[in-house]
Amino acid sequence: MRPAIIGVSMGIMTAISLKNEKTINSSVIRISLTTEIMMIVIFGLMEIN
């Protein structure tokens, strides 16, 4: 459970840092990061249950 929480927090921090940039590449990276974060959250919830 702890590795999932660490991964989620790291993904959120990187997404916030990318949010400040205004380039097209960062938006593409942000989309992949949000899907990654959602998958990590889903797996984390499955581990809790």
N, C-alpha and C. Protein backbone atom coordinates (compact mmCIF):
# COMPACT_ATOMS: atom_id res chain seq x y z
N MET A 1 0.84 -1.20 0.00
CA MET A 1 0.00 0.00 0.00
C MET A 1 0.87 1.25 0.00
N ARG A 2 1.98 1.23 0.73
CA ARG A 2 2.82 2.43 0.80
C ARG A 2 3.44 2.78 -0.54
N PRO A 3 3.96 1.82 -1.34
CA PRO A 3 4.53 2.20 -2.63
C PRO A 3 3.52 2.88 -3.53
N ALA A 4 2.26 2.45 -3.47
CA ALA A 4 1.23 3.09 -4.30
C ALA A 4 1.04 4.53 -3.88
N ILE A 5 1.03 4.79 -2.56
CA ILE A 5 0.85 6.17 -2.08
C ILE A 5 2.04 7.02 -2.50
N ILE A 6 3.25 6.46 -2.41
CA ILE A 6 4.44 7.22 -2.82
C ILE A 6 4.36 7.53 -4.31
N GLY A 7 3.95 6.55 -5.12
CA GLY A 7 3.84 6.78 -6.56
C GLY A 7 2.81 7.84 -6.88
N VAL A 8 1.68 7.81 -6.17
CA VAL A 8 0.64 8.81 -6.41
C VAL A 8 1.14 10.20 -6.06
N SER A 9 1.81 10.33 -4.91
CA SER A 9 2.29 11.65 -4.50
C SER A 9 3.35 12.15 -5.47
N MET A 10 4.24 11.26 -5.95
CA MET A 10 5.26 11.68 -6.91
C MET A 10 4.60 12.10 -8.22
N GLY A 11 3.60 11.34 -8.67
CA GLY A 11 2.91 11.70 -9.91
C GLY A 11 2.19 13.03 -9.79
N ILE A 12 1.56 13.28 -8.63
CA ILE A 12 0.86 14.56 -8.44
C ILE A 12 1.86 15.70 -8.44
N MET A 13 3.01 15.52 -7.80
CA MET A 13 4.01 16.59 -7.76
C MET A 13 4.54 16.90 -9.15
N THR A 14 4.80 15.85 -9.95
CA THR A 14 5.30 16.08 -11.30
C THR A 14 4.21 16.73 -12.16
N ALA A 15 2.94 16.33 -11.96
CA ALA A 15 1.86 16.94 -12.73
C ALA A 15 1.72 18.41 -12.38
N ILE A 16 1.87 18.76 -11.10
CA ILE A 16 1.77 20.17 -10.70
C ILE A 16 2.91 20.96 -11.32
N SER A 17 4.13 20.39 -11.32
CA SER A 17 5.27 21.11 -11.90
C SER A 17 5.08 21.26 -13.41
N LEU A 18 4.48 20.25 -14.07
CA LEU A 18 4.25 20.36 -15.51
C LEU A 18 3.12 21.33 -15.80
N LYS A 19 2.18 21.47 -14.87
CA LYS A 19 1.04 22.37 -15.08
C LYS A 19 1.51 23.81 -15.24
N ASN A 20 2.63 24.17 -14.60
CA ASN A 20 3.11 25.54 -14.68
C ASN A 20 3.71 25.85 -16.05
N GLU A 21 4.13 24.82 -16.80
CA GLU A 21 4.70 25.06 -18.13
C GLU A 21 3.58 25.20 -19.14
N LYS A 22 3.84 26.01 -20.19
CA LYS A 22 2.79 26.33 -21.17
C LYS A 22 3.10 25.75 -22.54
N THR A 23 3.93 24.69 -22.61
CA THR A 23 4.28 24.14 -23.91
C THR A 23 3.33 23.02 -24.29
N ILE A 24 3.31 22.68 -25.59
CA ILE A 24 2.42 21.62 -26.06
C ILE A 24 2.90 20.27 -25.54
N ASN A 25 4.23 20.09 -25.50
CA ASN A 25 4.77 18.80 -25.06
C ASN A 25 4.35 18.50 -23.63
N SER A 26 4.35 19.52 -22.77
CA SER A 26 4.00 19.28 -21.37
C SER A 26 2.54 18.84 -21.25
N SER A 27 1.67 19.35 -22.14
CA SER A 27 0.26 18.94 -22.06
C SER A 27 0.13 17.47 -22.44
N VAL A 28 0.90 17.03 -23.43
CA VAL A 28 0.86 15.61 -23.81
C VAL A 28 1.38 14.76 -22.66
N ILE A 29 2.49 15.21 -22.04
CA ILE A 29 3.04 14.46 -20.91
C ILE A 29 2.02 14.45 -19.77
N ARG A 30 1.31 15.57 -19.59
CA ARG A 30 0.34 15.66 -18.51
C ARG A 30 -0.78 14.65 -18.72
N ILE A 31 -1.23 14.48 -19.96
CA ILE A 31 -2.31 13.52 -20.23
C ILE A 31 -1.86 12.12 -19.86
N SER A 32 -0.63 11.75 -20.27
CA SER A 32 -0.13 10.41 -19.94
C SER A 32 0.06 10.27 -18.43
N LEU A 33 0.47 11.37 -17.77
CA LEU A 33 0.66 11.31 -16.32
C LEU A 33 -0.67 11.13 -15.61
N THR A 34 -1.72 11.82 -16.07
CA THR A 34 -3.02 11.68 -15.39
C THR A 34 -3.54 10.26 -15.54
N THR A 35 -3.37 9.65 -16.72
CA THR A 35 -3.81 8.27 -16.88
C THR A 35 -2.98 7.36 -15.99
N GLU A 36 -1.66 7.65 -15.88
CA GLU A 36 -0.79 6.85 -15.01
C GLU A 36 -1.24 6.98 -13.56
N ILE A 37 -1.53 8.21 -13.13
CA ILE A 37 -1.95 8.44 -11.75
C ILE A 37 -3.26 7.70 -11.47
N MET A 38 -4.20 7.76 -12.44
CA MET A 38 -5.49 7.08 -12.23
C MET A 38 -5.28 5.57 -12.09
N MET A 39 -4.39 5.00 -12.93
CA MET A 39 -4.12 3.56 -12.83
C MET A 39 -3.50 3.23 -11.48
N ILE A 40 -2.55 4.08 -11.02
CA ILE A 40 -1.91 3.83 -9.72
C ILE A 40 -2.95 3.91 -8.61
N VAL A 41 -3.87 4.90 -8.70
CA VAL A 41 -4.90 5.04 -7.67
C VAL A 41 -5.81 3.82 -7.67
N ILE A 42 -6.20 3.35 -8.86
CA ILE A 42 -7.08 2.19 -8.94
C ILE A 42 -6.39 0.97 -8.33
N PHE A 43 -5.10 0.76 -8.69
CA PHE A 43 -4.38 -0.38 -8.14
C PHE A 43 -4.23 -0.24 -6.63
N GLY A 44 -4.01 0.99 -6.15
CA GLY A 44 -3.89 1.21 -4.71
C GLY A 44 -5.19 0.88 -3.99
N LEU A 45 -6.32 1.27 -4.58
CA LEU A 45 -7.61 0.95 -3.96
C LEU A 45 -7.83 -0.56 -3.97
N MET A 46 -7.42 -1.23 -5.05
CA MET A 46 -7.57 -2.68 -5.10
C MET A 46 -6.71 -3.33 -4.01
N GLU A 47 -5.50 -2.78 -3.77
CA GLU A 47 -4.64 -3.34 -2.73
C GLU A 47 -5.27 -3.15 -1.36
N ILE A 48 -5.90 -1.99 -1.12
CA ILE A 48 -6.53 -1.73 0.18
C ILE A 48 -7.67 -2.72 0.40
N ASN A 49 -8.48 -2.94 -0.65
CA ASN A 49 -9.60 -3.87 -0.52
C ASN A 49 -9.07 -5.30 -0.54
